[in-house]
Amino acid sequence: MAWVTVAVAIVVEITGTSLLKSTDGFSRLWPSLGVLALYGTSVALLSRAVQQLEVSVVYAVWSGVGTAAIAVIGLVFLGEPLGALKALGLALVIGGVIILNLAGAH
């Protein structure tokens, strides 16, 4: 059940990050409140997950998957470029998450 909580925290965080542009630098009230509420919810869910799972692994998965997902969202929906260096960075993040998960399993 803890991994389901992590998955929901990731989706909530990705949703909040996807809305960041709409805050216009946190100058628009409702989008700003939405982003803050989503981030707060995501962190609250993480605090639940780390009661049963290792903090380092949970945080690595949450941040790594979130980073990769936002990069894909930027690429597909926002027209952001994906150069070789950015692709390498994302691969390193994903690789790091995999390694931490493998290390946490032993």
PDB file of N, CA and C in Angstrom:
ATOM      1  N   MET A   1       0.816  -1.195   0.000  1.00  0.00           N
ATOM      2  CA  MET A   1       0.000   0.000   0.000  1.00  0.00           C
ATOM      3  C   MET A   1       0.866   1.268   0.000  1.00  0.00           C
ATOM      4  N   ALA A   2       2.053   1.206   0.602  1.00  0.00           N
ATOM      5  CA  ALA A   2       2.923   2.377   0.664  1.00  0.00           C
ATOM      6  C   ALA A   2       3.353   2.820  -0.731  1.00  0.00           C
ATOM      7  N   TRP A   3       3.586   1.862  -1.630  1.00  0.00           N
ATOM      8  CA  TRP A   3       3.989   2.233  -2.995  1.00  0.00           C
ATOM      9  C   TRP A   3       2.841   2.870  -3.764  1.00  0.00           C
ATOM     10  N   VAL A   4       1.618   2.496  -3.457  1.00  0.00           N
ATOM     11  CA  VAL A   4       0.458   3.157  -4.066  1.00  0.00           C
ATOM     12  C   VAL A   4       0.414   4.610  -3.605  1.00  0.00           C
ATOM     13  N   THR A   5       0.708   4.830  -2.329  1.00  0.00           N
ATOM     14  CA  THR A   5       0.755   6.188  -1.787  1.00  0.00           C
ATOM     15  C   THR A   5       1.826   7.012  -2.497  1.00  0.00           C
ATOM     16  N   VAL A   6       2.989   6.401  -2.731  1.00  0.00           N
ATOM     17  CA  VAL A   6       4.059   7.092  -3.464  1.00  0.00           C
ATOM     18  C   VAL A   6       3.589   7.427  -4.877  1.00  0.00           C
ATOM     19  N   ALA A   7       2.929   6.488  -5.532  1.00  0.00           N
ATOM     20  CA  ALA A   7       2.446   6.721  -6.900  1.00  0.00           C
ATOM     21  C   ALA A   7       1.449   7.879  -6.935  1.00  0.00           C
ATOM     22  N   VAL A   8       0.550   7.922  -5.981  1.00  0.00           N
ATOM     23  CA  VAL A   8      -0.414   9.025  -5.924  1.00  0.00           C
ATOM     24  C   VAL A   8       0.312  10.343  -5.650  1.00  0.00           C
ATOM     25  N   ALA A   9       1.301  10.317  -4.760  1.00  0.00           N
ATOM     26  CA  ALA A   9       2.089  11.528  -4.473  1.00  0.00           C
ATOM     27  C   ALA A   9       2.782  12.029  -5.726  1.00  0.00           C
ATOM     28  N   ILE A  10       3.274  11.110  -6.544  1.00  0.00           N
ATOM     29  CA  ILE A  10       3.938  11.491  -7.796  1.00  0.00           C
ATOM     30  C   ILE A  10       2.949  12.159  -8.745  1.00  0.00           C
ATOM     31  N   VAL A  11       1.786  11.563  -8.902  1.00  0.00           N
ATOM     32  CA  VAL A  11       0.772  12.126  -9.802  1.00  0.00           C
ATOM     33  C   VAL A  11       0.349  13.512  -9.319  1.00  0.00           C
ATOM     34  N   VAL A  12       0.172  13.663  -8.021  1.00  0.00           N
ATOM     35  CA  VAL A  12      -0.238  14.952  -7.459  1.00  0.00           C
ATOM     36  C   VAL A  12       0.856  15.997  -7.683  1.00  0.00           C
ATOM     37  N   GLU A  13       2.109  15.605  -7.452  1.00  0.00           N
ATOM     38  CA  GLU A  13       3.231  16.535  -7.657  1.00  0.00           C
ATOM     39  C   GLU A  13       3.368  16.927  -9.120  1.00  0.00           C
ATOM     40  N   ILE A  14       3.220  15.968 -10.020  1.00  0.00           N
ATOM     41  CA  ILE A  14       3.297  16.251 -11.456  1.00  0.00           C
ATOM     42  C   ILE A  14       2.183  17.218 -11.862  1.00  0.00           C
ATOM     43  N   THR A  15       1.006  17.018 -11.325  1.00  0.00           N
ATOM     44  CA  THR A  15      -0.108  17.916 -11.620  1.00  0.00           C
ATOM     45  C   THR A  15       0.207  19.333 -11.144  1.00  0.00           C
ATOM     46  N   GLY A  16       0.735  19.447  -9.937  1.00  0.00           N
ATOM     47  CA  GLY A  16       1.098  20.761  -9.415  1.00  0.00           C
ATOM     48  C   GLY A  16       2.169  21.431 -10.255  1.00  0.00           C
ATOM     49  N   THR A  17       3.186  20.673 -10.616  1.00  0.00           N
ATOM     50  CA  THR A  17       4.268  21.242 -11.424  1.00  0.00           C
ATOM     51  C   THR A  17       3.767  21.646 -12.806  1.00  0.00           C
ATOM     52  N   SER A  18       2.856  20.868 -13.354  1.00  0.00           N
ATOM     53  CA  SER A  18       2.287  21.192 -14.667  1.00  0.00           C
ATOM     54  C   SER A  18       1.515  22.509 -14.643  1.00  0.00           C
ATOM     55  N   LEU A  19       1.017  22.879 -13.492  1.00  0.00           N
ATOM     56  CA  LEU A  19       0.246  24.119 -13.356  1.00  0.00           C
ATOM     57  C   LEU A  19       1.098  25.344 -13.026  1.00  0.00           C
ATOM     58  N   LEU A  20       2.397  25.150 -12.810  1.00  0.00           N
ATOM     59  CA  LEU A  20       3.248  26.262 -12.395  1.00  0.00           C
ATOM     60  C   LEU A  20       3.207  27.449 -13.349  1.00  0.00           C
ATOM     61  N   LYS A  21       3.239  27.179 -14.650  1.00  0.00           N
ATOM     62  CA  LYS A  21       3.219  28.296 -15.609  1.00  0.00           C
ATOM     63  C   LYS A  21       1.968  29.144 -15.459  1.00  0.00           C
ATOM     64  N   SER A  22       0.858  28.491 -15.144  1.00  0.00           N
ATOM     65  CA  SER A  22      -0.413  29.220 -15.034  1.00  0.00           C
ATOM     66  C   SER A  22      -0.444  30.152 -13.826  1.00  0.00           C
ATOM     67  N   THR A  23       0.492  30.011 -12.891  1.00  0.00           N
ATOM     68  CA  THR A  23       0.521  30.912 -11.734  1.00  0.00           C
ATOM     69  C   THR A  23       1.082  32.281 -12.087  1.00  0.00           C
ATOM     70  N   ASP A  24       1.767  32.359 -13.240  1.00  0.00           N
ATOM     71  CA  ASP A  24       2.399  33.613 -13.686  1.00  0.00           C
ATOM     72  C   ASP A  24       3.280  34.190 -12.581  1.00  0.00           C
ATOM     73  N   GLY A  25       4.217  33.335 -12.129  1.00  0.00           N
ATOM     74  CA  GLY A  25       5.131  33.776 -11.077  1.00  0.00           C
ATOM     75  C   GLY A  25       4.456  33.932  -9.726  1.00  0.00           C
ATOM     76  N   PHE A  26       3.440  33.130  -9.485  1.00  0.00           N
ATOM     77  CA  PHE A  26       2.631  33.187  -8.271  1.00  0.00           C
ATOM     78  C   PHE A  26       1.927  34.537  -8.107  1.00  0.00           C
ATOM     79  N   SER A  27       1.626  35.178  -9.224  1.00  0.00           N
ATOM     80  CA  SER A  27       0.882  36.436  -9.171  1.00  0.00           C
ATOM     81  C   SER A  27      -0.619  36.218  -9.392  1.00  0.00           C
ATOM     82  N   ARG A  28      -1.006  35.024  -9.800  1.00  0.00           N
ATOM     83  CA  ARG A  28      -2.425  34.692  -9.982  1.00  0.00           C
ATOM     84  C   ARG A  28      -2.874  33.817  -8.814  1.00  0.00           C
ATOM     85  N   LEU A  29      -3.889  34.261  -8.097  1.00  0.00           N
ATOM     86  CA  LEU A  29      -4.287  33.647  -6.833  1.00  0.00           C
ATOM     87  C   LEU A  29      -4.683  32.179  -6.955  1.00  0.00           C
ATOM     88  N   TRP A  30      -5.684  31.879  -7.770  1.00  0.00           N
ATOM     89  CA  TRP A  30      -6.236  30.527  -7.778  1.00  0.00           C
ATOM     90  C   TRP A  30      -5.259  29.477  -8.305  1.00  0.00           C
ATOM     91  N   PRO A  31      -4.584  29.734  -9.407  1.00  0.00           N
ATOM     92  CA  PRO A  31      -3.582  28.736  -9.821  1.00  0.00           C
ATOM     93  C   PRO A  31      -2.472  28.570  -8.770  1.00  0.00           C
ATOM     94  N   SER A  32      -2.080  29.667  -8.135  1.00  0.00           N
ATOM     95  CA  SER A  32      -1.036  29.604  -7.105  1.00  0.00           C
ATOM     96  C   SER A  32      -1.494  28.760  -5.915  1.00  0.00           C
ATOM     97  N   LEU A  33      -2.711  28.995  -5.471  1.00  0.00           N
ATOM     98  CA  LEU A  33      -3.249  28.192  -4.364  1.00  0.00           C
ATOM     99  C   LEU A  33      -3.367  26.720  -4.751  1.00  0.00           C
ATOM    100  N   GLY A  34      -3.739  26.473  -6.004  1.00  0.00           N
ATOM    101  CA  GLY A  34      -3.827  25.092  -6.478  1.00  0.00           C
ATOM    102  C   GLY A  34      -2.469  24.402  -6.459  1.00  0.00           C
ATOM    103  N   VAL A  35      -1.451  25.088  -6.940  1.00  0.00           N
ATOM    104  CA  VAL A  35      -0.101  24.510  -6.946  1.00  0.00           C
ATOM    105  C   VAL A  35       0.347  24.234  -5.518  1.00  0.00           C
ATOM    106  N   LEU A  36       0.170  25.196  -4.631  1.00  0.00           N
ATOM    107  CA  LEU A  36       0.593  25.013  -3.238  1.00  0.00           C
ATOM    108  C   LEU A  36      -0.166  23.872  -2.563  1.00  0.00           C
ATOM    109  N   ALA A  37      -1.459  23.769  -2.832  1.00  0.00           N
ATOM    110  CA  ALA A  37      -2.256  22.684  -2.257  1.00  0.00           C
ATOM    111  C   ALA A  37      -1.797  21.325  -2.790  1.00  0.00           C
ATOM    112  N   LEU A  38      -1.516  21.269  -4.079  1.00  0.00           N
ATOM    113  CA  LEU A  38      -1.060  20.006  -4.661  1.00  0.00           C
ATOM    114  C   LEU A  38       0.309  19.607  -4.125  1.00  0.00           C
ATOM    115  N   TYR A  39       1.224  20.566  -4.024  1.00  0.00           N
ATOM    116  CA  TYR A  39       2.537  20.258  -3.454  1.00  0.00           C
ATOM    117  C   TYR A  39       2.419  19.815  -1.995  1.00  0.00           C
ATOM    118  N   GLY A  40       1.593  20.509  -1.232  1.00  0.00           N
ATOM    119  CA  GLY A  40       1.392  20.127   0.168  1.00  0.00           C
ATOM    120  C   GLY A  40       0.812  18.733   0.301  1.00  0.00           C
ATOM    121  N   THR A  41      -0.143  18.413  -0.557  1.00  0.00           N
ATOM    122  CA  THR A  41      -0.743  17.081  -0.549  1.00  0.00           C
ATOM    123  C   THR A  41       0.292  16.028  -0.912  1.00  0.00           C
ATOM    124  N   SER A  42       1.106  16.322  -1.896  1.00  0.00           N
ATOM    125  CA  SER A  42       2.133  15.374  -2.311  1.00  0.00           C
ATOM    126  C   SER A  42       3.112  15.085  -1.172  1.00  0.00           C
ATOM    127  N   VAL A  43       3.556  16.116  -0.498  1.00  0.00           N
ATOM    128  CA  VAL A  43       4.502  15.931   0.607  1.00  0.00           C
ATOM    129  C   VAL A  43       3.830  15.198   1.777  1.00  0.00           C
ATOM    130  N   ALA A  44       2.572  15.486   2.030  1.00  0.00           N
ATOM    131  CA  ALA A  44       1.846  14.772   3.083  1.00  0.00           C
ATOM    132  C   ALA A  44       1.754  13.279   2.761  1.00  0.00           C
ATOM    133  N   LEU A  45       1.511  12.966   1.507  1.00  0.00           N
ATOM    134  CA  LEU A  45       1.466  11.562   1.096  1.00  0.00           C
ATOM    135  C   LEU A  45       2.838  10.909   1.241  1.00  0.00           C
ATOM    136  N   LEU A  46       3.882  11.643   0.893  1.00  0.00           N
ATOM    137  CA  LEU A  46       5.239  11.111   1.075  1.00  0.00           C
ATOM    138  C   LEU A  46       5.517  10.816   2.545  1.00  0.00           C
ATOM    139  N   SER A  47       5.061  11.687   3.425  1.00  0.00           N
ATOM    140  CA  SER A  47       5.298  11.472   4.856  1.00  0.00           C
ATOM    141  C   SER A  47       4.628  10.191   5.336  1.00  0.00           C
ATOM    142  N   ARG A  48       3.524   9.844   4.713  1.00  0.00           N
ATOM    143  CA  ARG A  48       2.860   8.570   5.034  1.00  0.00           C
ATOM    144  C   ARG A  48       3.672   7.388   4.521  1.00  0.00           C
ATOM    145  N   ALA A  49       4.165   7.506   3.306  1.00  0.00           N
ATOM    146  CA  ALA A  49       4.895   6.406   2.681  1.00  0.00           C
ATOM    147  C   ALA A  49       6.190   6.090   3.427  1.00  0.00           C
ATOM    148  N   VAL A  50       6.867   7.127   3.919  1.00  0.00           N
ATOM    149  CA  VAL A  50       8.152   6.884   4.585  1.00  0.00           C
ATOM    150  C   VAL A  50       7.995   6.261   5.966  1.00  0.00           C
ATOM    151  N   GLN A  51       6.784   6.094   6.423  1.00  0.00           N
ATOM    152  CA  GLN A  51       6.559   5.347   7.652  1.00  0.00           C
ATOM    153  C   GLN A  51       6.815   3.856   7.427  1.00  0.00           C
ATOM    154  N   GLN A  52       6.711   3.417   6.171  1.00  0.00           N
ATOM    155  CA  GLN A  52       6.886   2.000   5.850  1.00  0.00           C
ATOM    156  C   GLN A  52       8.066   1.731   4.923  1.00  0.00           C
ATOM    157  N   LEU A  53       8.552   2.750   4.242  1.00  0.00           N
ATOM    158  CA  LEU A  53       9.616   2.583   3.257  1.00  0.00           C
ATOM    159  C   LEU A  53      10.788   3.494   3.608  1.00  0.00           C
ATOM    160  N   GLU A  54      11.951   3.202   3.041  1.00  0.00           N
ATOM    161  CA  GLU A  54      13.129   4.016   3.284  1.00  0.00           C
ATOM    162  C   GLU A  54      12.975   5.399   2.644  1.00  0.00           C
ATOM    163  N   VAL A  55      13.331   6.422   3.399  1.00  0.00           N
ATOM    164  CA  VAL A  55      13.209   7.797   2.924  1.00  0.00           C
ATOM    165  C   VAL A  55      14.009   8.005   1.640  1.00  0.00           C
ATOM    166  N   SER A  56      15.237   7.504   1.603  1.00  0.00           N
ATOM    167  CA  SER A  56      16.086   7.736   0.430  1.00  0.00           C
ATOM    168  C   SER A  56      15.481   7.140  -0.832  1.00  0.00           C
ATOM    169  N   VAL A  57      14.910   5.967  -0.717  1.00  0.00           N
ATOM    170  CA  VAL A  57      14.320   5.315  -1.883  1.00  0.00           C
ATOM    171  C   VAL A  57      13.036   6.025  -2.301  1.00  0.00           C
ATOM    172  N   VAL A  58      12.187   6.340  -1.338  1.00  0.00           N
ATOM    173  CA  VAL A  58      10.927   7.024  -1.641  1.00  0.00           C
ATOM    174  C   VAL A  58      11.194   8.370  -2.309  1.00  0.00           C
ATOM    175  N   TYR A  59      12.117   9.139  -1.735  1.00  0.00           N
ATOM    176  CA  TYR A  59      12.387  10.461  -2.293  1.00  0.00           C
ATOM    177  C   TYR A  59      13.012  10.351  -3.682  1.00  0.00           C
ATOM    178  N   ALA A  60      13.893   9.384  -3.865  1.00  0.00           N
ATOM    179  CA  ALA A  60      14.514   9.200  -5.179  1.00  0.00           C
ATOM    180  C   ALA A  60      13.474   8.836  -6.234  1.00  0.00           C
ATOM    181  N   VAL A  61      12.572   7.948  -5.893  1.00  0.00           N
ATOM    182  CA  VAL A  61      11.525   7.551  -6.840  1.00  0.00           C
ATOM    183  C   VAL A  61      10.609   8.730  -7.122  1.00  0.00           C
ATOM    184  N   TRP A  62      10.179   9.415  -6.075  1.00  0.00           N
ATOM    185  CA  TRP A  62       9.261  10.549  -6.229  1.00  0.00           C
ATOM    186  C   TRP A  62       9.880  11.643  -7.094  1.00  0.00           C
ATOM    187  N   SER A  63      11.100  12.029  -6.764  1.00  0.00           N
ATOM    188  CA  SER A  63      11.721  13.116  -7.518  1.00  0.00           C
ATOM    189  C   SER A  63      12.150  12.670  -8.906  1.00  0.00           C
ATOM    190  N   GLY A  64      12.667  11.454  -9.029  1.00  0.00           N
ATOM    191  CA  GLY A  64      13.122  10.959 -10.331  1.00  0.00           C
ATOM    192  C   GLY A  64      11.993  10.756 -11.320  1.00  0.00           C
ATOM    193  N   VAL A  65      10.959  10.071 -10.879  1.00  0.00           N
ATOM    194  CA  VAL A  65       9.812   9.846 -11.766  1.00  0.00           C
ATOM    195  C   VAL A  65       9.131  11.169 -12.082  1.00  0.00           C
ATOM    196  N   GLY A  66       9.015  12.034 -11.081  1.00  0.00           N
ATOM    197  CA  GLY A  66       8.412  13.346 -11.315  1.00  0.00           C
ATOM    198  C   GLY A  66       9.201  14.164 -12.321  1.00  0.00           C
ATOM    199  N   THR A  67      10.523  14.159 -12.181  1.00  0.00           N
ATOM    200  CA  THR A  67      11.386  14.897 -13.107  1.00  0.00           C
ATOM    201  C   THR A  67      11.253  14.361 -14.523  1.00  0.00           C
ATOM    202  N   ALA A  68      11.320  13.054 -14.657  1.00  0.00           N
ATOM    203  CA  ALA A  68      11.206  12.448 -15.988  1.00  0.00           C
ATOM    204  C   ALA A  68       9.834  12.725 -16.604  1.00  0.00           C
ATOM    205  N   ALA A  69       8.791  12.611 -15.800  1.00  0.00           N
ATOM    206  CA  ALA A  69       7.440  12.844 -16.317  1.00  0.00           C
ATOM    207  C   ALA A  69       7.253  14.298 -16.748  1.00  0.00           C
ATOM    208  N   ILE A  70       7.765  15.233 -15.969  1.00  0.00           N
ATOM    209  CA  ILE A  70       7.645  16.647 -16.332  1.00  0.00           C
ATOM    210  C   ILE A  70       8.444  16.939 -17.600  1.00  0.00           C
ATOM    211  N   ALA A  71       9.587  16.306 -17.758  1.00  0.00           N
ATOM    212  CA  ALA A  71      10.370  16.491 -18.982  1.00  0.00           C
ATOM    213  C   ALA A  71       9.582  16.003 -20.195  1.00  0.00           C
ATOM    214  N   VAL A  72       8.909  14.870 -20.057  1.00  0.00           N
ATOM    215  CA  VAL A  72       8.098  14.339 -21.159  1.00  0.00           C
ATOM    216  C   VAL A  72       6.900  15.256 -21.421  1.00  0.00           C
ATOM    217  N   ILE A  73       6.264  15.732 -20.364  1.00  0.00           N
ATOM    218  CA  ILE A  73       5.142  16.661 -20.530  1.00  0.00           C
ATOM    219  C   ILE A  73       5.607  17.927 -21.237  1.00  0.00           C
ATOM    220  N   GLY A  74       6.755  18.449 -20.843  1.00  0.00           N
ATOM    221  CA  GLY A  74       7.310  19.632 -21.507  1.00  0.00           C
ATOM    222  C   GLY A  74       7.599  19.373 -22.970  1.00  0.00           C
ATOM    223  N   LEU A  75       8.122  18.218 -23.260  1.00  0.00           N
ATOM    224  CA  LEU A  75       8.442  17.842 -24.633  1.00  0.00           C
ATOM    225  C   LEU A  75       7.183  17.691 -25.484  1.00  0.00           C
ATOM    226  N   VAL A  76       6.220  16.953 -24.976  1.00  0.00           N
ATOM    227  CA  VAL A  76       5.018  16.613 -25.754  1.00  0.00           C
ATOM    228  C   VAL A  76       4.006  17.760 -25.812  1.00  0.00           C
ATOM    229  N   PHE A  77       3.767  18.409 -24.673  1.00  0.00           N
ATOM    230  CA  PHE A  77       2.673  19.383 -24.612  1.00  0.00           C
ATOM    231  C   PHE A  77       3.121  20.842 -24.659  1.00  0.00           C
ATOM    232  N   LEU A  78       4.358  21.115 -24.266  1.00  0.00           N
ATOM    233  CA  LEU A  78       4.803  22.502 -24.192  1.00  0.00           C
ATOM    234  C   LEU A  78       5.835  22.857 -25.256  1.00  0.00           C
ATOM    235  N   GLY A  79       6.159  21.897 -26.104  1.00  0.00           N
ATOM    236  CA  GLY A  79       7.090  22.156 -27.188  1.00  0.00           C
ATOM    237  C   GLY A  79       8.518  22.419 -26.734  1.00  0.00           C
ATOM    238  N   GLU A  80       8.881  21.942 -25.549  1.00  0.00           N
ATOM    239  CA  GLU A  80      10.242  22.135 -25.064  1.00  0.00           C
ATOM    240  C   GLU A  80      11.192  21.176 -25.786  1.00  0.00           C
ATOM    241  N   PRO A  81      12.403  21.633 -26.084  1.00  0.00           N
ATOM    242  CA  PRO A  81      13.338  20.769 -26.813  1.00  0.00           C
ATOM    243  C   PRO A  81      13.951  19.693 -25.907  1.00  0.00           C
ATOM    244  N   LEU A  82      14.350  18.594 -26.524  1.00  0.00           N
ATOM    245  CA  LEU A  82      15.053  17.526 -25.812  1.00  0.00           C
ATOM    246  C   LEU A  82      16.365  17.292 -26.526  1.00  0.00           C
ATOM    247  N   GLY A  83      17.390  17.980 -26.073  1.00  0.00           N
ATOM    248  CA  GLY A  83      18.714  17.807 -26.649  1.00  0.00           C
ATOM    249  C   GLY A  83      19.417  16.612 -26.037  1.00  0.00           C
ATOM    250  N   ALA A  84      20.584  16.326 -26.559  1.00  0.00           N
ATOM    251  CA  ALA A  84      21.357  15.170 -26.105  1.00  0.00           C
ATOM    252  C   ALA A  84      21.736  15.296 -24.631  1.00  0.00           C
ATOM    253  N   LEU A  85      22.131  16.477 -24.203  1.00  0.00           N
ATOM    254  CA  LEU A  85      22.544  16.671 -22.817  1.00  0.00           C
ATOM    255  C   LEU A  85      21.367  16.499 -21.855  1.00  0.00           C
ATOM    256  N   LYS A  86      20.210  17.025 -22.234  1.00  0.00           N
ATOM    257  CA  LYS A  86      19.010  16.868 -21.409  1.00  0.00           C
ATOM    258  C   LYS A  86      18.610  15.387 -21.336  1.00  0.00           C
ATOM    259  N   ALA A  87      18.674  14.696 -22.460  1.00  0.00           N
ATOM    260  CA  ALA A  87      18.347  13.271 -22.489  1.00  0.00           C
ATOM    261  C   ALA A  87      19.314  12.490 -21.595  1.00  0.00           C
ATOM    262  N   LEU A  88      20.586  12.826 -21.639  1.00  0.00           N
ATOM    263  CA  LEU A  88      21.573  12.168 -20.787  1.00  0.00           C
ATOM    264  C   LEU A  88      21.266  12.416 -19.320  1.00  0.00           C
ATOM    265  N   GLY A  89      20.950  13.644 -18.978  1.00  0.00           N
ATOM    266  CA  GLY A  89      20.610  13.969 -17.600  1.00  0.00           C
ATOM    267  C   GLY A  89      19.418  13.173 -17.100  1.00  0.00           C
ATOM    268  N   LEU A  90      18.388  13.072 -17.927  1.00  0.00           N
ATOM    269  CA  LEU A  90      17.203  12.296 -17.544  1.00  0.00           C
ATOM    270  C   LEU A  90      17.544  10.817 -17.388  1.00  0.00           C
ATOM    271  N   ALA A  91      18.376  10.314 -18.272  1.00  0.00           N
ATOM    272  CA  ALA A  91      18.801   8.912 -18.168  1.00  0.00           C
ATOM    273  C   ALA A  91      19.564   8.679 -16.863  1.00  0.00           C
ATOM    274  N   LEU A  92      20.398   9.633 -16.478  1.00  0.00           N
ATOM    275  CA  LEU A  92      21.138   9.504 -15.224  1.00  0.00           C
ATOM    276  C   LEU A  92      20.202   9.538 -14.012  1.00  0.00           C
ATOM    277  N   VAL A  93      19.190  10.400 -14.060  1.00  0.00           N
ATOM    278  CA  VAL A  93      18.215  10.457 -12.972  1.00  0.00           C
ATOM    279  C   VAL A  93      17.487   9.118 -12.857  1.00  0.00           C
ATOM    280  N   ILE A  94      17.018   8.615 -13.968  1.00  0.00           N
ATOM    281  CA  ILE A  94      16.290   7.339 -13.959  1.00  0.00           C
ATOM    282  C   ILE A  94      17.206   6.204 -13.505  1.00  0.00           C
ATOM    283  N   GLY A  95      18.436   6.214 -13.993  1.00  0.00           N
ATOM    284  CA  GLY A  95      19.397   5.199 -13.563  1.00  0.00           C
ATOM    285  C   GLY A  95      19.659   5.267 -12.071  1.00  0.00           C
ATOM    286  N   GLY A  96      19.778   6.471 -11.542  1.00  0.00           N
ATOM    287  CA  GLY A  96      19.977   6.641 -10.110  1.00  0.00           C
ATOM    288  C   GLY A  96      18.817   6.101  -9.294  1.00  0.00           C
ATOM    289  N   VAL A  97      17.601   6.335  -9.751  1.00  0.00           N
ATOM    290  CA  VAL A  97      16.420   5.809  -9.065  1.00  0.00           C
ATOM    291  C   VAL A  97      16.450   4.285  -9.069  1.00  0.00           C
ATOM    292  N   ILE A  98      16.794   3.707 -10.189  1.00  0.00           N
ATOM    293  CA  ILE A  98      16.855   2.245 -10.285  1.00  0.00           C
ATOM    294  C   ILE A  98      17.910   1.699  -9.324  1.00  0.00           C
ATOM    295  N   ILE A  99      19.083   2.312  -9.304  1.00  0.00           N
ATOM    296  CA  ILE A  99      20.153   1.850  -8.420  1.00  0.00           C
ATOM    297  C   ILE A  99      19.749   1.964  -6.950  1.00  0.00           C
ATOM    298  N   LEU A 100      19.139   3.085  -6.574  1.00  0.00           N
ATOM    299  CA  LEU A 100      18.690   3.226  -5.178  1.00  0.00           C
ATOM    300  C   LEU A 100      17.640   2.190  -4.807  1.00  0.00           C
ATOM    301  N   ASN A 101      16.760   1.874  -5.748  1.00  0.00           N
ATOM    302  CA  ASN A 101      15.763   0.838  -5.471  1.00  0.00           C
ATOM    303  C   ASN A 101      16.417  -0.515  -5.314  1.00  0.00           C
ATOM    304  N   LEU A 102      17.369  -0.813  -6.151  1.00  0.00           N
ATOM    305  CA  LEU A 102      18.069  -2.096  -6.027  1.00  0.00           C
ATOM    306  C   LEU A 102      18.843  -2.168  -4.726  1.00  0.00           C
ATOM    307  N   ALA A 103      19.488  -1.077  -4.343  1.00  0.00           N
ATOM    308  CA  ALA A 103      20.251  -1.042  -3.102  1.00  0.00           C
ATOM    309  C   ALA A 103      19.327  -1.160  -1.891  1.00  0.00           C
ATOM    310  N   GLY A 104      18.146  -0.564  -1.986  1.00  0.00           N
ATOM    311  CA  GLY A 104      17.187  -0.627  -0.885  1.00  0.00           C
ATOM    312  C   GLY A 104      16.573  -2.005  -0.717  1.00  0.00           C
ATOM    313  N   ALA A 105      16.606  -2.800  -1.772  1.00  0.00           N
ATOM    314  CA  ALA A 105      16.012  -4.148  -1.710  1.00  0.00           C
ATOM    315  C   ALA A 105      16.918  -5.136  -1.009  1.00  0.00           C
ATOM    316  N   HIS A 106      18.158  -4.764  -0.759  1.00  0.00           N
ATOM    317  CA  HIS A 106      19.094  -5.714  -0.130  1.00  0.00           C
ATOM    318  C   HIS A 106      19.369  -5.380   1.295  1.00  0.00           C
TER     319      HIS A 106
END
